[in-house]
Amino acid sequence: MRYLLLLSALFFLSACSPKYKTIYNYTSPTSQSGKSCLKTCQEKLATCKEICKSNFDICKVKAIKKAKLQYQQKLKAYYKALETYANQVQMHNLENDLYFYSDFYYPSRGYGYWGPFGPYFMWDMHPAYNIQKPKKPTLQEEIQKVELQECQIDCKCQVSYDNCFQGCGGKITQKKICIQNCTHE
């Protein structure tokens, strides 16, 4: 219990703590050689981003193919689960006809239709009401799931550019600014 209170206190404190964003300020080199070097860095950055986008597009095409196969498998499993669900519902409906609507079951226990703790509704506890209808999968959800799993391509283009930029004589400064729950002193 003590740990639960501690965790909840930490959660509330972190929810109210300020949130910061880091802003980068690029100061270009002033020399002519530094400026020509910077052009090379920009070209490398553009090439890197282009290759990264191309790789991401190829990955998305592969993800769609894989998702379609997985979707077919999940659809088969869904139809099996739906058939099981229908059989269970049908079985419980027969049971309801024979058992749950009989007038002699609960009155014979001395409660009538009232349980020992008040009104007793038999269907609240009956297993038929705990049966969950299976959710039909969609192709779009499957595609999104596979893309998230497999197409997280980070080519580190900005890191390479920053290193090249500084190698050419440029300076990068960082500044943290408060963007949420700021306290002004």
Foldseek 3Di string as FASTA:
>chain_A
DVVVVVVVVVVVVVVLDFDKDKDKDKFFDDDPQLVVLLVVLVVLLVVLVVVLVVVLVVQLVVLLVVLVVVLVVLQVVLVVLQVVLVVLLVVVVVVCVVPVPDQCPVVVVVQRCADPVGGDDVVVPDCNVVDDRDDRDDSVVSSVVSCVVTRPDDSCSVVSSVVSRVVSPMDMDMDMDTDPSDDDD
